[in-house]
PDB file of N, CA and C in Angstrom:
ATOM      1  N   MET A   1     215.487  69.028 136.920  1.00  0.00           N
ATOM      2  CA  MET A   1     214.375  69.071 137.772  1.00  0.00           C
ATOM      3  C   MET A   1     214.416  70.318 138.612  1.00  0.00           C
ATOM      4  N   SER A   2     213.303  70.891 138.802  1.00  0.00           N
ATOM      5  CA  SER A   2     213.259  72.222 139.602  1.00  0.00           C
ATOM      6  C   SER A   2     213.323  71.936 141.036  1.00  0.00           C
ATOM      7  N   LYS A   3     213.804  72.853 141.832  1.00  0.00           N
ATOM      8  CA  LYS A   3     213.991  72.617 143.237  1.00  0.00           C
ATOM      9  C   LYS A   3     212.644  73.222 143.927  1.00  0.00           C
ATOM     10  N   ARG A   4     212.071  72.473 144.821  1.00  0.00           N
ATOM     11  CA  ARG A   4     210.823  72.881 145.460  1.00  0.00           C
ATOM     12  C   ARG A   4     211.158  73.699 146.638  1.00  0.00           C
ATOM     13  N   GLU A   5     210.239  74.640 146.936  1.00  0.00           N
ATOM     14  CA  GLU A   5     210.389  75.512 148.029  1.00  0.00           C
ATOM     15  C   GLU A   5     209.130  75.542 148.940  1.00  0.00           C
ATOM     16  N   LEU A   6     209.270  75.489 150.228  1.00  0.00           N
ATOM     17  CA  LEU A   6     208.060  75.545 151.073  1.00  0.00           C
ATOM     18  C   LEU A   6     207.560  77.032 151.220  1.00  0.00           C
ATOM     19  N   LEU A   7     206.375  77.274 150.751  1.00  0.00           N
ATOM     20  CA  LEU A   7     205.762  78.565 150.652  1.00  0.00           C
ATOM     21  C   LEU A   7     205.150  78.877 152.002  1.00  0.00           C
ATOM     22  N   PHE A   8     204.382  77.991 152.553  1.00  0.00           N
ATOM     23  CA  PHE A   8     203.847  78.169 153.768  1.00  0.00           C
ATOM     24  C   PHE A   8     203.273  76.754 154.298  1.00  0.00           C
ATOM     25  N   SER A   9     202.971  76.683 155.584  1.00  0.00           N
ATOM     26  CA  SER A   9     202.467  75.377 156.111  1.00  0.00           C
ATOM     27  C   SER A   9     201.306  75.581 156.996  1.00  0.00           C
ATOM     28  N   LEU A  10     200.473  74.585 157.134  1.00  0.00           N
ATOM     29  CA  LEU A  10     199.360  74.540 157.932  1.00  0.00           C
ATOM     30  C   LEU A  10     199.551  73.338 159.040  1.00  0.00           C
ATOM     31  N   THR A  11     199.101  73.719 160.211  1.00  0.00           N
ATOM     32  CA  THR A  11     199.166  72.633 161.193  1.00  0.00           C
ATOM     33  C   THR A  11     197.756  72.344 161.832  1.00  0.00           C
ATOM     34  N   LYS A  12     197.788  71.424 162.782  1.00  0.00           N
ATOM     35  CA  LYS A  12     196.476  71.090 163.373  1.00  0.00           C
ATOM     36  C   LYS A  12     195.903  72.441 164.080  1.00  0.00           C
ATOM     37  N   LYS A  13     196.710  73.227 164.525  1.00  0.00           N
ATOM     38  CA  LYS A  13     196.323  74.501 165.168  1.00  0.00           C
ATOM     39  C   LYS A  13     195.520  75.471 164.314  1.00  0.00           C
ATOM     40  N   ASP A  14     195.603  75.223 162.879  1.00  0.00           N
ATOM     41  CA  ASP A  14     194.899  76.120 162.010  1.00  0.00           C
ATOM     42  C   ASP A  14     193.515  75.625 161.694  1.00  0.00           C
ATOM     43  N   PHE A  15     193.183  74.485 162.330  1.00  0.00           N
ATOM     44  CA  PHE A  15     191.805  73.844 162.006  1.00  0.00           C
ATOM     45  C   PHE A  15     191.072  73.706 163.436  1.00  0.00           C
ATOM     46  N   VAL A  16     189.793  73.713 163.306  1.00  0.00           N
ATOM     47  CA  VAL A  16     188.889  73.463 164.466  1.00  0.00           C
ATOM     48  C   VAL A  16     188.241  72.152 164.178  1.00  0.00           C
ATOM     49  N   VAL A  17     188.344  71.139 165.104  1.00  0.00           N
ATOM     50  CA  VAL A  17     187.725  69.895 164.902  1.00  0.00           C
ATOM     51  C   VAL A  17     186.653  69.708 165.863  1.00  0.00           C
ATOM     52  N   GLU A  18     185.394  69.447 165.333  1.00  0.00           N
ATOM     53  CA  GLU A  18     184.251  69.227 166.194  1.00  0.00           C
ATOM     54  C   GLU A  18     183.695  67.851 166.015  1.00  0.00           C
ATOM     55  N   THR A  19     183.369  67.114 167.214  1.00  0.00           N
ATOM     56  CA  THR A  19     182.781  65.800 167.016  1.00  0.00           C
ATOM     57  C   THR A  19     181.446  65.903 167.609  1.00  0.00           C
ATOM     58  N   PHE A  20     180.454  65.175 167.025  1.00  0.00           N
ATOM     59  CA  PHE A  20     179.085  65.210 167.574  1.00  0.00           C
ATOM     60  C   PHE A  20     178.444  63.948 167.180  1.00  0.00           C
ATOM     61  N   ARG A  21     177.162  63.742 167.801  1.00  0.00           N
ATOM     62  CA  ARG A  21     176.499  62.468 167.537  1.00  0.00           C
ATOM     63  C   ARG A  21     175.800  62.605 166.167  1.00  0.00           C
ATOM     64  N   ALA A  22     175.794  61.500 165.419  1.00  0.00           N
ATOM     65  CA  ALA A  22     175.152  61.512 164.112  1.00  0.00           C
ATOM     66  C   ALA A  22     173.979  60.473 164.185  1.00  0.00           C
ATOM     67  N   GLY A  23     172.908  60.839 163.584  1.00  0.00           N
ATOM     68  CA  GLY A  23     171.769  59.971 163.466  1.00  0.00           C
ATOM     69  C   GLY A  23     171.905  59.192 162.217  1.00  0.00           C
ATOM     70  N   GLY A  24     170.937  58.271 161.941  1.00  0.00           N
ATOM     71  CA  GLY A  24     170.992  57.548 160.691  1.00  0.00           C
ATOM     72  C   GLY A  24     171.529  56.225 160.856  1.00  0.00           C
ATOM     73  N   LYS A  25     172.111  55.591 159.827  1.00  0.00           N
ATOM     74  CA  LYS A  25     172.635  54.288 159.880  1.00  0.00           C
ATOM     75  C   LYS A  25     173.691  54.181 160.918  1.00  0.00           C
ATOM     76  N   GLY A  26     173.784  52.963 161.457  1.00  0.00           N
ATOM     77  CA  GLY A  26     174.807  52.631 162.504  1.00  0.00           C
ATOM     78  C   GLY A  26     174.075  52.423 163.854  1.00  0.00           C
ATOM     79  N   GLY A  27     172.771  52.706 163.841  1.00  0.00           N
ATOM     80  CA  GLY A  27     171.981  52.418 164.970  1.00  0.00           C
ATOM     81  C   GLY A  27     172.515  52.860 166.378  1.00  0.00           C
ATOM     82  N   GLN A  28     172.437  51.962 167.291  1.00  0.00           N
ATOM     83  CA  GLN A  28     172.775  52.423 168.630  1.00  0.00           C
ATOM     84  C   GLN A  28     174.179  52.991 168.851  1.00  0.00           C
ATOM     85  N   HIS A  29     175.102  52.452 167.983  1.00  0.00           N
ATOM     86  CA  HIS A  29     176.441  52.939 168.038  1.00  0.00           C
ATOM     87  C   HIS A  29     176.528  54.357 167.739  1.00  0.00           C
ATOM     88  N   GLN A  30     175.909  54.868 166.677  1.00  0.00           N
ATOM     89  CA  GLN A  30     175.915  56.242 166.366  1.00  0.00           C
ATOM     90  C   GLN A  30     175.126  57.168 167.341  1.00  0.00           C
ATOM     91  N   ASN A  31     174.163  56.513 168.035  1.00  0.00           N
ATOM     92  CA  ASN A  31     173.324  57.330 168.952  1.00  0.00           C
ATOM     93  C   ASN A  31     174.106  57.512 170.235  1.00  0.00           C
ATOM     94  N   LYS A  32     175.064  56.662 170.619  1.00  0.00           N
ATOM     95  CA  LYS A  32     175.813  56.905 171.854  1.00  0.00           C
ATOM     96  C   LYS A  32     177.148  57.414 171.730  1.00  0.00           C
ATOM     97  N   THR A  33     177.757  57.426 170.540  1.00  0.00           N
ATOM     98  CA  THR A  33     179.095  57.976 170.447  1.00  0.00           C
ATOM     99  C   THR A  33     179.093  59.221 169.545  1.00  0.00           C
ATOM    100  N   ASP A  34     180.232  59.964 169.727  1.00  0.00           N
ATOM    101  CA  ASP A  34     180.405  61.198 168.985  1.00  0.00           C
ATOM    102  C   ASP A  34     181.226  60.804 167.729  1.00  0.00           C
ATOM    103  N   SER A  35     180.643  60.131 166.712  1.00  0.00           N
ATOM    104  CA  SER A  35     181.383  59.555 165.612  1.00  0.00           C
ATOM    105  C   SER A  35     181.337  60.588 164.427  1.00  0.00           C
ATOM    106  N   ALA A  36     180.396  61.497 164.405  1.00  0.00           N
ATOM    107  CA  ALA A  36     180.364  62.397 163.242  1.00  0.00           C
ATOM    108  C   ALA A  36     181.483  63.493 163.459  1.00  0.00           C
ATOM    109  N   VAL A  37     182.006  64.115 162.482  1.00  0.00           N
ATOM    110  CA  VAL A  37     183.106  65.038 162.544  1.00  0.00           C
ATOM    111  C   VAL A  37     182.859  66.269 161.630  1.00  0.00           C
ATOM    112  N   ARG A  38     183.086  67.488 162.198  1.00  0.00           N
ATOM    113  CA  ARG A  38     183.094  68.690 161.333  1.00  0.00           C
ATOM    114  C   ARG A  38     184.425  69.324 161.597  1.00  0.00           C
ATOM    115  N   ILE A  39     185.101  69.739 160.488  1.00  0.00           N
ATOM    116  CA  ILE A  39     186.330  70.362 160.536  1.00  0.00           C
ATOM    117  C   ILE A  39     186.284  71.725 159.966  1.00  0.00           C
ATOM    118  N   LYS A  40     186.713  72.763 160.628  1.00  0.00           N
ATOM    119  CA  LYS A  40     186.606  74.094 160.071  1.00  0.00           C
ATOM    120  C   LYS A  40     188.041  74.719 159.930  1.00  0.00           C
ATOM    121  N   HIS A  41     188.140  75.537 158.876  1.00  0.00           N
ATOM    122  CA  HIS A  41     189.350  76.210 158.741  1.00  0.00           C
ATOM    123  C   HIS A  41     189.116  77.715 158.811  1.00  0.00           C
ATOM    124  N   PRO A  42     189.109  78.341 159.922  1.00  0.00           N
ATOM    125  CA  PRO A  42     188.712  79.671 160.148  1.00  0.00           C
ATOM    126  C   PRO A  42     189.347  80.777 159.172  1.00  0.00           C
ATOM    127  N   ALA A  43     190.595  80.579 158.833  1.00  0.00           N
ATOM    128  CA  ALA A  43     191.207  81.560 157.968  1.00  0.00           C
ATOM    129  C   ALA A  43     190.498  81.684 156.557  1.00  0.00           C
ATOM    130  N   SER A  44     190.099  80.508 156.058  1.00  0.00           N
ATOM    131  CA  SER A  44     189.420  80.596 154.711  1.00  0.00           C
ATOM    132  C   SER A  44     187.863  80.398 154.871  1.00  0.00           C
ATOM    133  N   GLY A  45     187.396  80.016 155.898  1.00  0.00           N
ATOM    134  CA  GLY A  45     185.935  79.923 156.111  1.00  0.00           C
ATOM    135  C   GLY A  45     185.376  78.500 155.553  1.00  0.00           C
ATOM    136  N   ALA A  46     186.345  77.647 155.185  1.00  0.00           N
ATOM    137  CA  ALA A  46     185.940  76.346 154.627  1.00  0.00           C
ATOM    138  C   ALA A  46     185.514  75.409 155.734  1.00  0.00           C
ATOM    139  N   VAL A  47     184.696  74.494 155.301  1.00  0.00           N
ATOM    140  CA  VAL A  47     184.125  73.436 156.371  1.00  0.00           C
ATOM    141  C   VAL A  47     184.078  72.267 155.670  1.00  0.00           C
ATOM    142  N   GLY A  48     184.387  71.077 156.244  1.00  0.00           N
ATOM    143  CA  GLY A  48     184.261  69.736 155.853  1.00  0.00           C
ATOM    144  C   GLY A  48     183.634  69.000 156.941  1.00  0.00           C
ATOM    145  N   GLU A  49     182.522  68.089 156.455  1.00  0.00           N
ATOM    146  CA  GLU A  49     181.849  67.388 157.507  1.00  0.00           C
ATOM    147  C   GLU A  49     181.604  65.911 156.965  1.00  0.00           C
ATOM    148  N   SER A  50     181.596  64.953 157.914  1.00  0.00           N
ATOM    149  CA  SER A  50     181.307  63.637 157.540  1.00  0.00           C
ATOM    150  C   SER A  50     180.669  62.928 158.677  1.00  0.00           C
ATOM    151  N   ARG A  51     179.528  62.125 158.377  1.00  0.00           N
ATOM    152  CA  ARG A  51     178.974  61.376 159.468  1.00  0.00           C
ATOM    153  C   ARG A  51     178.476  59.967 158.864  1.00  0.00           C
ATOM    154  N   GLU A  52     179.105  59.647 157.717  1.00  0.00           N
ATOM    155  CA  GLU A  52     178.677  58.398 157.036  1.00  0.00           C
ATOM    156  C   GLU A  52     179.139  57.236 157.760  1.00  0.00           C
ATOM    157  N   ASP A  53     180.330  57.163 158.315  1.00  0.00           N
ATOM    158  CA  ASP A  53     180.993  56.024 158.907  1.00  0.00           C
ATOM    159  C   ASP A  53     180.731  55.893 160.403  1.00  0.00           C
ATOM    160  N   ARG A  54     180.762  54.716 160.956  1.00  0.00           N
ATOM    161  CA  ARG A  54     180.569  54.562 162.428  1.00  0.00           C
ATOM    162  C   ARG A  54     181.946  54.943 163.114  1.00  0.00           C
ATOM    163  N   SER A  55     183.014  55.070 162.306  1.00  0.00           N
ATOM    164  CA  SER A  55     184.316  55.327 162.953  1.00  0.00           C
ATOM    165  C   SER A  55     184.615  56.829 162.845  1.00  0.00           C
ATOM    166  N   GLN A  56     184.871  57.383 164.054  1.00  0.00           N
ATOM    167  CA  GLN A  56     185.343  58.777 164.112  1.00  0.00           C
ATOM    168  C   GLN A  56     186.481  58.979 163.324  1.00  0.00           C
ATOM    169  N   HIS A  57     187.480  58.036 163.332  1.00  0.00           N
ATOM    170  CA  HIS A  57     188.801  58.215 162.638  1.00  0.00           C
ATOM    171  C   HIS A  57     188.514  58.357 161.142  1.00  0.00           C
ATOM    172  N   ARG A  58     187.676  57.408 160.611  1.00  0.00           N
ATOM    173  CA  ARG A  58     187.371  57.474 159.131  1.00  0.00           C
ATOM    174  C   ARG A  58     186.612  58.776 158.864  1.00  0.00           C
ATOM    175  N   ASN A  59     185.754  59.149 159.651  1.00  0.00           N
ATOM    176  CA  ASN A  59     184.949  60.403 159.317  1.00  0.00           C
ATOM    177  C   ASN A  59     185.856  61.591 159.371  1.00  0.00           C
ATOM    178  N   LYS A  60     186.912  61.668 160.217  1.00  0.00           N
ATOM    179  CA  LYS A  60     187.861  62.737 160.230  1.00  0.00           C
ATOM    180  C   LYS A  60     188.573  62.856 158.927  1.00  0.00           C
ATOM    181  N   LYS A  61     189.012  61.651 158.497  1.00  0.00           N
ATOM    182  CA  LYS A  61     189.651  61.626 157.169  1.00  0.00           C
ATOM    183  C   LYS A  61     188.777  62.115 155.981  1.00  0.00           C
ATOM    184  N   ILE A  62     187.606  61.700 155.885  1.00  0.00           N
ATOM    185  CA  ILE A  62     186.584  62.193 154.874  1.00  0.00           C
ATOM    186  C   ILE A  62     186.360  63.612 154.995  1.00  0.00           C
ATOM    187  N   ALA A  63     186.103  64.137 156.277  1.00  0.00           N
ATOM    188  CA  ALA A  63     185.827  65.553 156.401  1.00  0.00           C
ATOM    189  C   ALA A  63     186.960  66.467 155.997  1.00  0.00           C
ATOM    190  N   PHE A  64     188.223  65.978 156.316  1.00  0.00           N
ATOM    191  CA  PHE A  64     189.389  66.811 156.012  1.00  0.00           C
ATOM    192  C   PHE A  64     189.513  66.803 154.484  1.00  0.00           C
ATOM    193  N   GLU A  65     189.297  65.691 153.820  1.00  0.00           N
ATOM    194  CA  GLU A  65     189.305  65.635 152.368  1.00  0.00           C
ATOM    195  C   GLU A  65     188.269  66.579 151.726  1.00  0.00           C
ATOM    196  N   ARG A  66     187.105  66.626 152.264  1.00  0.00           N
ATOM    197  CA  ARG A  66     186.066  67.504 151.716  1.00  0.00           C
ATOM    198  C   ARG A  66     186.453  68.970 151.990  1.00  0.00           C
ATOM    199  N   LEU A  67     187.006  69.266 153.113  1.00  0.00           N
ATOM    200  CA  LEU A  67     187.437  70.551 153.358  1.00  0.00           C
ATOM    201  C   LEU A  67     188.460  71.082 152.345  1.00  0.00           C
ATOM    202  N   VAL A  68     189.540  70.352 152.212  1.00  0.00           N
ATOM    203  CA  VAL A  68     190.656  70.792 151.289  1.00  0.00           C
ATOM    204  C   VAL A  68     190.233  70.723 149.827  1.00  0.00           C
ATOM    205  N   ASN A  69     189.217  70.017 149.469  1.00  0.00           N
ATOM    206  CA  ASN A  69     188.763  69.961 148.056  1.00  0.00           C
ATOM    207  C   ASN A  69     187.601  71.007 147.792  1.00  0.00           C
ATOM    208  N   SER A  70     187.202  71.700 148.871  1.00  0.00           N
ATOM    209  CA  SER A  70     186.177  72.750 148.713  1.00  0.00           C
ATOM    210  C   SER A  70     186.670  73.929 147.884  1.00  0.00           C
ATOM    211  N   HIS A  71     185.673  74.504 147.118  1.00  0.00           N
ATOM    212  CA  HIS A  71     186.089  75.734 146.394  1.00  0.00           C
ATOM    213  C   HIS A  71     186.547  76.891 147.307  1.00  0.00           C
ATOM    214  N   THR A  72     185.993  77.018 148.486  1.00  0.00           N
ATOM    215  CA  THR A  72     186.403  78.065 149.444  1.00  0.00           C
ATOM    216  C   THR A  72     187.864  77.876 149.837  1.00  0.00           C
ATOM    217  N   PHE A  73     188.197  76.661 150.162  1.00  0.00           N
ATOM    218  CA  PHE A  73     189.634  76.384 150.630  1.00  0.00           C
ATOM    219  C   PHE A  73     190.623  76.511 149.441  1.00  0.00           C
ATOM    220  N   ARG A  74     190.289  76.080 148.304  1.00  0.00           N
ATOM    221  CA  ARG A  74     191.155  76.117 147.122  1.00  0.00           C
ATOM    222  C   ARG A  74     191.399  77.558 146.663  1.00  0.00           C
ATOM    223  N   ARG A  75     190.350  78.363 146.811  1.00  0.00           N
ATOM    224  CA  ARG A  75     190.524  79.863 146.473  1.00  0.00           C
ATOM    225  C   ARG A  75     191.458  80.482 147.469  1.00  0.00           C
ATOM    226  N   TRP A  76     191.316  80.288 148.744  1.00  0.00           N
ATOM    227  CA  TRP A  76     192.185  80.774 149.818  1.00  0.00           C
ATOM    228  C   TRP A  76     193.518  80.407 149.605  1.00  0.00           C
ATOM    229  N   HIS A  77     193.714  79.042 149.258  1.00  0.00           N
ATOM    230  CA  HIS A  77     195.007  78.511 149.026  1.00  0.00           C
ATOM    231  C   HIS A  77     195.778  79.180 147.918  1.00  0.00           C
ATOM    232  N   ALA A  78     194.998  79.327 146.720  1.00  0.00           N
ATOM    233  CA  ALA A  78     195.658  80.021 145.652  1.00  0.00           C
ATOM    234  C   ALA A  78     196.042  81.456 146.027  1.00  0.00           C
ATOM    235  N   ILE A  79     195.281  82.212 146.730  1.00  0.00           N
ATOM    236  CA  ILE A  79     195.639  83.552 147.153  1.00  0.00           C
ATOM    237  C   ILE A  79     196.914  83.473 147.997  1.00  0.00           C
ATOM    238  N   LYS A  80     196.892  82.611 148.950  1.00  0.00           N
ATOM    239  CA  LYS A  80     198.070  82.522 149.851  1.00  0.00           C
ATOM    240  C   LYS A  80     199.412  82.174 149.058  1.00  0.00           C
ATOM    241  N   ILE A  81     199.245  81.432 148.065  1.00  0.00           N
ATOM    242  CA  ILE A  81     200.424  81.050 147.219  1.00  0.00           C
ATOM    243  C   ILE A  81     200.968  82.207 146.474  1.00  0.00           C
ATOM    244  N   GLU A  82     199.985  83.046 145.965  1.00  0.00           N
ATOM    245  CA  GLU A  82     200.321  84.265 145.162  1.00  0.00           C
ATOM    246  C   GLU A  82     201.030  85.256 146.050  1.00  0.00           C
ATOM    247  N   GLU A  83     200.503  85.344 147.375  1.00  0.00           N
ATOM    248  CA  GLU A  83     201.119  86.300 148.329  1.00  0.00           C
ATOM    249  C   GLU A  83     202.547  85.807 148.746  1.00  0.00           C
ATOM    250  N   ALA A  84     202.688  84.445 148.869  1.00  0.00           N
ATOM    251  CA  ALA A  84     203.991  83.948 149.349  1.00  0.00           C
ATOM    252  C   ALA A  84     204.976  84.112 148.300  1.00  0.00           C
ATOM    253  N   MET A  85     204.583  84.124 147.068  1.00  0.00           N
ATOM    254  CA  MET A  85     205.555  84.221 145.920  1.00  0.00           C
ATOM    255  C   MET A  85     205.766  85.624 145.520  1.00  0.00           C
ATOM    256  N   GLY A  86     205.024  86.580 146.258  1.00  0.00           N
ATOM    257  CA  GLY A  86     205.268  87.985 145.971  1.00  0.00           C
ATOM    258  C   GLY A  86     204.626  88.510 144.751  1.00  0.00           C
ATOM    259  N   ARG A  87     203.755  87.658 144.174  1.00  0.00           N
ATOM    260  CA  ARG A  87     202.917  88.086 143.025  1.00  0.00           C
ATOM    261  C   ARG A  87     201.652  88.859 143.440  1.00  0.00           C
ATOM    262  N   GLU A  88     201.196  89.513 142.511  1.00  0.00           N
ATOM    263  CA  GLU A  88     199.995  90.323 142.681  1.00  0.00           C
ATOM    264  C   GLU A  88     198.825  89.355 142.484  1.00  0.00           C
ATOM    265  N   THR A  89     197.833  89.412 143.501  1.00  0.00           N
ATOM    266  CA  THR A  89     196.596  88.653 143.507  1.00  0.00           C
ATOM    267  C   THR A  89     195.642  89.188 142.569  1.00  0.00           C
ATOM    268  N   ILE A  90     194.627  88.445 142.206  1.00  0.00           N
ATOM    269  CA  ILE A  90     193.550  88.892 141.314  1.00  0.00           C
ATOM    270  C   ILE A  90     192.843  90.079 141.927  1.00  0.00           C
ATOM    271  N   GLU A  91     192.581  90.025 143.238  1.00  0.00           N
ATOM    272  CA  GLU A  91     191.991  91.096 143.871  1.00  0.00           C
ATOM    273  C   GLU A  91     192.757  92.370 143.729  1.00  0.00           C
ATOM    274  N   GLU A  92     194.124  92.354 144.000  1.00  0.00           N
ATOM    275  CA  GLU A  92     194.927  93.494 143.825  1.00  0.00           C
ATOM    276  C   GLU A  92     194.889  94.020 142.336  1.00  0.00           C
ATOM    277  N   ALA A  93     195.001  93.153 141.397  1.00  0.00           N
ATOM    278  CA  ALA A  93     194.989  93.600 140.005  1.00  0.00           C
ATOM    279  C   ALA A  93     193.707  94.311 139.653  1.00  0.00           C
ATOM    280  N   VAL A  94     192.555  93.770 140.144  1.00  0.00           N
ATOM    281  CA  VAL A  94     191.220  94.381 139.831  1.00  0.00           C
ATOM    282  C   VAL A  94     191.159  95.732 140.504  1.00  0.00           C
ATOM    283  N   ALA A  95     191.625  95.886 141.731  1.00  0.00           N
ATOM    284  CA  ALA A  95     191.663  97.176 142.531  1.00  0.00           C
ATOM    285  C   ALA A  95     192.500  98.172 141.724  1.00  0.00           C
ATOM    286  N   LYS A  96     193.579  97.790 141.197  1.00  0.00           N
ATOM    287  CA  LYS A  96     194.400  98.782 140.421  1.00  0.00           C
ATOM    288  C   LYS A  96     193.762  99.258 139.131  1.00  0.00           C
ATOM    289  N   ALA A  97     192.977  98.314 138.491  1.00  0.00           N
ATOM    290  CA  ALA A  97     192.411  98.650 137.256  1.00  0.00           C
ATOM    291  C   ALA A  97     191.077  99.442 137.494  1.00  0.00           C
ATOM    292  N   MET A  98     190.487  99.374 138.540  1.00  0.00           N
ATOM    293  CA  MET A  98     189.245  99.978 138.896  1.00  0.00           C
ATOM    294  C   MET A  98     189.306 101.509 139.323  1.00  0.00           C
ATOM    295  N   VAL A  99     190.077 102.231 138.636  1.00  0.00           N
ATOM    296  CA  VAL A  99     190.312 103.792 138.826  1.00  0.00           C
ATOM    297  C   VAL A  99     189.351 104.438 137.908  1.00  0.00           C
ATOM    298  N   PRO A 100     188.903 105.669 138.314  1.00  0.00           N
ATOM    299  CA  PRO A 100     187.953 106.364 137.452  1.00  0.00           C
ATOM    300  C   PRO A 100     188.289 106.519 136.076  1.00  0.00           C
ATOM    301  N   GLU A 101     189.577 106.818 135.740  1.00  0.00           N
ATOM    302  CA  GLU A 101     190.046 106.996 134.379  1.00  0.00           C
ATOM    303  C   GLU A 101     189.893 105.823 133.525  1.00  0.00           C
ATOM    304  N   ASN A 102     189.760 104.676 134.088  1.00  0.00           N
ATOM    305  CA  ASN A 102     189.636 103.442 133.282  1.00  0.00           C
ATOM    306  C   ASN A 102     188.184 103.036 133.142  1.00  0.00           C
ATOM    307  N   LEU A 103     187.265 103.719 133.823  1.00  0.00           N
ATOM    308  CA  LEU A 103     185.834 103.306 133.676  1.00  0.00           C
ATOM    309  C   LEU A 103     185.127 104.259 132.787  1.00  0.00           C
ATOM    310  N   LYS A 104     184.186 103.670 131.959  1.00  0.00           N
ATOM    311  CA  LYS A 104     183.310 104.452 131.103  1.00  0.00           C
ATOM    312  C   LYS A 104     181.834 104.139 131.609  1.00  0.00           C
ATOM    313  N   VAL A 105     181.084 105.192 131.823  1.00  0.00           N
ATOM    314  CA  VAL A 105     179.802 105.058 132.319  1.00  0.00           C
ATOM    315  C   VAL A 105     178.824 105.482 131.200  1.00  0.00           C
ATOM    316  N   GLU A 106     177.888 104.484 130.820  1.00  0.00           N
ATOM    317  CA  GLU A 106     176.883 104.967 129.796  1.00  0.00           C
ATOM    318  C   GLU A 106     175.433 104.718 130.308  1.00  0.00           C
ATOM    319  N   LEU A 107     174.561 105.620 129.820  1.00  0.00           N
ATOM    320  CA  LEU A 107     173.144 105.521 130.302  1.00  0.00           C
ATOM    321  C   LEU A 107     172.285 105.208 129.119  1.00  0.00           C
ATOM    322  N   LEU A 108     171.213 104.482 129.403  1.00  0.00           N
ATOM    323  CA  LEU A 108     170.252 104.217 128.344  1.00  0.00           C
ATOM    324  C   LEU A 108     169.288 105.204 128.359  1.00  0.00           C
ATOM    325  N   ASP A 109     169.174 105.990 127.249  1.00  0.00           N
ATOM    326  CA  ASP A 109     168.287 107.177 127.122  1.00  0.00           C
ATOM    327  C   ASP A 109     167.384 106.994 125.855  1.00  0.00           C
ATOM    328  N   ASP A 110     166.092 106.784 126.081  1.00  0.00           N
ATOM    329  CA  ASP A 110     165.232 106.476 124.840  1.00  0.00           C
ATOM    330  C   ASP A 110     165.694 105.309 123.989  1.00  0.00           C
ATOM    331  N   GLY A 111     166.163 104.279 124.541  1.00  0.00           N
ATOM    332  CA  GLY A 111     166.651 103.144 123.796  1.00  0.00           C
ATOM    333  C   GLY A 111     167.991 103.307 123.124  1.00  0.00           C
ATOM    334  N   GLU A 112     168.663 104.400 123.512  1.00  0.00           N
ATOM    335  CA  GLU A 112     170.027 104.658 122.981  1.00  0.00           C
ATOM    336  C   GLU A 112     171.025 104.757 124.123  1.00  0.00           C
ATOM    337  N   TRP A 113     172.219 104.196 123.916  1.00  0.00           N
ATOM    338  CA  TRP A 113     173.309 104.292 124.928  1.00  0.00           C
ATOM    339  C   TRP A 113     174.054 105.519 124.721  1.00  0.00           C
ATOM    340  N   LYS A 114     174.142 106.343 125.793  1.00  0.00           N
ATOM    341  CA  LYS A 114     174.952 107.596 125.642  1.00  0.00           C
ATOM    342  C   LYS A 114     175.899 107.677 126.837  1.00  0.00           C
ATOM    343  N   ASP A 115     177.030 108.367 126.495  1.00  0.00           N
ATOM    344  CA  ASP A 115     177.994 108.589 127.582  1.00  0.00           C
ATOM    345  C   ASP A 115     177.466 109.374 128.732  1.00  0.00           C
ATOM    346  N   GLU A 116     177.868 109.181 129.933  1.00  0.00           N
ATOM    347  CA  GLU A 116     177.389 110.031 131.020  1.00  0.00           C
ATOM    348  C   GLU A 116     177.565 111.487 130.820  1.00  0.00           C
ATOM    349  N   GLN A 117     178.846 111.874 130.234  1.00  0.00           N
ATOM    350  CA  GLN A 117     179.093 113.234 130.043  1.00  0.00           C
ATOM    351  C   GLN A 117     178.144 114.061 129.025  1.00  0.00           C
ATOM    352  N   SER A 118     177.531 113.189 128.091  1.00  0.00           N
ATOM    353  CA  SER A 118     176.655 113.850 126.971  1.00  0.00           C
ATOM    354  C   SER A 118     175.432 114.478 127.583  1.00  0.00           C
TER     355      SER A 118
END
């Protein structure tokens, strides 16, 4: 079995939790309490929100699950893992490959593709 290694960690300080009043089902309880929850992760730009439940605690759990399962957060997480392992990220690989000598520019001239140098 391979040995696991902690690459990085996230704490409560890495997230911004906002509570607010939610309309809809729940009636007077939702109108008077801040049961809806929005959680933001500023580093990735990911946001999770829940207002379905009357319980703020349950809404926090749902909002957090939505945040960590979002495409934005998953992409950020993958990049962080690559950085922590010392591997080249996709962005770095593309930047290296996008040098002028690797690019070919063609122009459409009278329905025919021609090299820019021609």
